[in-house]
Structures are given as structure tokens and as C-alpha cells.
């Protein structure tokens, strides 16, 4: 199952990856559910950078790009994105 997320703000992708390294779920509700049922599931997660964006983009612009990828990849209908 796929999950699409985005990174913006001061630390960008590094901050996002730090959060995933610390929590294993990055505050995603579906990932939390999976990890509650199987704590070892995080060892099977695979991360891929789909696209890098200019740091000059606003948060809303980044979220627009994220939404396009969610739609293209079907991660809302068939994946782990609920938003």
C-alpha cells in the first residue's frame, strides 16, 4: 500500500525524515494502525522521493503537488492516505 506525503518548512525533507525515523509513522493514522497491529511492519517500509521542489514554494503549493501525486497514484482510494 502506498502513502504519499510532502515536506516543507525550515528543515524540508530532512525534518520529515527525522520525524519518520523517530515515530515510524510520521503521524499518519493508517500507518499508526498498521504499526499497532504489527510493530515490526516499519522494518518493511520503503521510502522513495518522487520529486524535489524548490524551497521557495509555499506550503500550499507543496500540498497542491502532494495532492496531484495522491490522485495519480490512487493512494487515497487504494493506499494509506485518508486526506
C-alpha atoms as a PDB file:
ATOM      1  CA  UNK A   1       0.000   0.000   0.000  1.00  0.00           C
ATOM      2  CA  UNK A   2       1.207   3.461  -0.842  1.00  0.00           C
ATOM      3  CA  UNK A   3       1.344   6.605   1.220  1.00  0.00           C
ATOM      4  CA  UNK A   4       2.183   9.998  -0.271  1.00  0.00           C
ATOM      5  CA  UNK A   5       3.494  12.758   1.967  1.00  0.00           C
ATOM      6  CA  UNK A   6       5.165  16.093   1.486  1.00  0.00           C
ATOM      7  CA  UNK A   7       7.845  18.116   3.204  1.00  0.00           C
ATOM      8  CA  UNK A   8       8.024  21.883   3.588  1.00  0.00           C
ATOM      9  CA  UNK A   9       9.219  24.394   6.124  1.00  0.00           C
ATOM     10  CA  UNK A  10      12.605  25.150   7.585  1.00  0.00           C
ATOM     11  CA  UNK A  11      14.038  21.611   7.595  1.00  0.00           C
ATOM     12  CA  UNK A  12      12.239  20.365   4.492  1.00  0.00           C
ATOM     13  CA  UNK A  13      12.668  16.697   3.724  1.00  0.00           C
ATOM     14  CA  UNK A  14      15.335  16.228   6.396  1.00  0.00           C
ATOM     15  CA  UNK A  15      12.864  17.290   9.078  1.00  0.00           C
ATOM     16  CA  UNK A  16      10.223  15.000   7.617  1.00  0.00           C
ATOM     17  CA  UNK A  17      12.578  12.001   7.571  1.00  0.00           C
ATOM     18  CA  UNK A  18      13.705  12.713  11.135  1.00  0.00           C
ATOM     19  CA  UNK A  19      10.076  12.597  12.221  1.00  0.00           C
ATOM     20  CA  UNK A  20       9.548   9.237  10.483  1.00  0.00           C
ATOM     21  CA  UNK A  21      12.777   7.876  11.984  1.00  0.00           C
ATOM     22  CA  UNK A  22      11.588   8.898  15.449  1.00  0.00           C
ATOM     23  CA  UNK A  23       7.956   7.754  15.180  1.00  0.00           C
ATOM     24  CA  UNK A  24       7.916   5.237  12.277  1.00  0.00           C
ATOM     25  CA  UNK A  25       4.527   6.669  11.274  1.00  0.00           C
ATOM     26  CA  UNK A  26       5.017  10.420  10.788  1.00  0.00           C
ATOM     27  CA  UNK A  27       1.600  10.963  12.415  1.00  0.00           C
ATOM     28  CA  UNK A  28      -0.233   9.180   9.585  1.00  0.00           C
ATOM     29  CA  UNK A  29      -3.306   7.491  11.084  1.00  0.00           C
ATOM     30  CA  UNK A  30      -3.213   4.471   8.779  1.00  0.00           C
ATOM     31  CA  UNK A  31       0.482   3.845   9.454  1.00  0.00           C
ATOM     32  CA  UNK A  32      -0.244   4.105  13.189  1.00  0.00           C
ATOM     33  CA  UNK A  33      -2.975   1.486  12.769  1.00  0.00           C
ATOM     34  CA  UNK A  34      -0.630  -0.855  10.889  1.00  0.00           C
ATOM     35  CA  UNK A  35       2.114  -0.448  13.476  1.00  0.00           C
ATOM     36  CA  UNK A  36      -0.304  -1.073  16.347  1.00  0.00           C
ATOM     37  CA  UNK A  37      -1.201  -4.414  14.785  1.00  0.00           C
ATOM     38  CA  UNK A  38       2.377  -5.267  13.780  1.00  0.00           C
ATOM     39  CA  UNK A  39       5.205  -3.213  15.342  1.00  0.00           C
ATOM     40  CA  UNK A  40       7.718  -4.891  13.022  1.00  0.00           C
ATOM     41  CA  UNK A  41       5.914  -3.547   9.928  1.00  0.00           C
ATOM     42  CA  UNK A  42       8.136  -0.454   9.978  1.00  0.00           C
ATOM     43  CA  UNK A  43      11.068  -2.694   9.055  1.00  0.00           C
ATOM     44  CA  UNK A  44       9.315  -3.419   5.755  1.00  0.00           C
ATOM     45  CA  UNK A  45       8.510   0.193   4.823  1.00  0.00           C
ATOM     46  CA  UNK A  46      10.241   1.564   1.745  1.00  0.00           C
ATOM     47  CA  UNK A  47      10.679   5.280   1.122  1.00  0.00           C
ATOM     48  CA  UNK A  48      11.033   6.897  -2.265  1.00  0.00           C
ATOM     49  CA  UNK A  49      11.431  10.543  -3.203  1.00  0.00           C
ATOM     50  CA  UNK A  50       9.003  11.155  -6.052  1.00  0.00           C
ATOM     51  CA  UNK A  51      10.025  14.717  -6.732  1.00  0.00           C
ATOM     52  CA  UNK A  52      12.026  17.540  -5.224  1.00  0.00           C
ATOM     53  CA  UNK A  53      10.527  21.003  -5.291  1.00  0.00           C
ATOM     54  CA  UNK A  54      12.102  24.440  -4.944  1.00  0.00           C
ATOM     55  CA  UNK A  55      12.398  25.636  -1.350  1.00  0.00           C
ATOM     56  CA  UNK A  56      10.752  28.877  -2.455  1.00  0.00           C
ATOM     57  CA  UNK A  57       7.341  27.221  -2.825  1.00  0.00           C
ATOM     58  CA  UNK A  58       4.734  27.984  -0.201  1.00  0.00           C
ATOM     59  CA  UNK A  59       3.231  25.271   1.989  1.00  0.00           C
ATOM     60  CA  UNK A  60       0.016  25.444  -0.048  1.00  0.00           C
ATOM     61  CA  UNK A  61       1.900  24.993  -3.312  1.00  0.00           C
ATOM     62  CA  UNK A  62       3.708  21.941  -1.931  1.00  0.00           C
ATOM     63  CA  UNK A  63       0.412  20.481  -0.719  1.00  0.00           C
ATOM     64  CA  UNK A  64      -1.059  21.010  -4.202  1.00  0.00           C
ATOM     65  CA  UNK A  65       1.772  18.926  -5.679  1.00  0.00           C
ATOM     66  CA  UNK A  66       1.231  16.291  -2.998  1.00  0.00           C
ATOM     67  CA  UNK A  67      -2.473  16.141  -3.866  1.00  0.00           C
ATOM     68  CA  UNK A  68      -1.695  15.555  -7.540  1.00  0.00           C
ATOM     69  CA  UNK A  69       0.520  12.592  -6.656  1.00  0.00           C
ATOM     70  CA  UNK A  70      -2.130  11.166  -4.342  1.00  0.00           C
ATOM     71  CA  UNK A  71      -4.612  11.343  -7.207  1.00  0.00           C
ATOM     72  CA  UNK A  72      -2.228   9.931  -9.842  1.00  0.00           C
ATOM     73  CA  UNK A  73      -1.120   7.046  -7.623  1.00  0.00           C
ATOM     74  CA  UNK A  74      -4.533   6.335  -6.124  1.00  0.00           C
ATOM     75  CA  UNK A  75      -3.175   6.495  -2.597  1.00  0.00           C
ATOM     76  CA  UNK A  76      -6.469   7.842  -1.231  1.00  0.00           C
ATOM     77  CA  UNK A  77      -8.647   5.172  -2.811  1.00  0.00           C
ATOM     78  CA  UNK A  78      -6.231   2.243  -2.548  1.00  0.00           C
ATOM     79  CA  UNK A  79      -3.476   3.385  -0.220  1.00  0.00           C
ATOM     80  CA  UNK A  80      -2.817   4.876   3.183  1.00  0.00           C
ATOM     81  CA  UNK A  81      -3.833   8.496   2.562  1.00  0.00           C
ATOM     82  CA  UNK A  82      -7.146   9.417   4.128  1.00  0.00           C
ATOM     83  CA  UNK A  83      -6.889  13.129   3.328  1.00  0.00           C
END
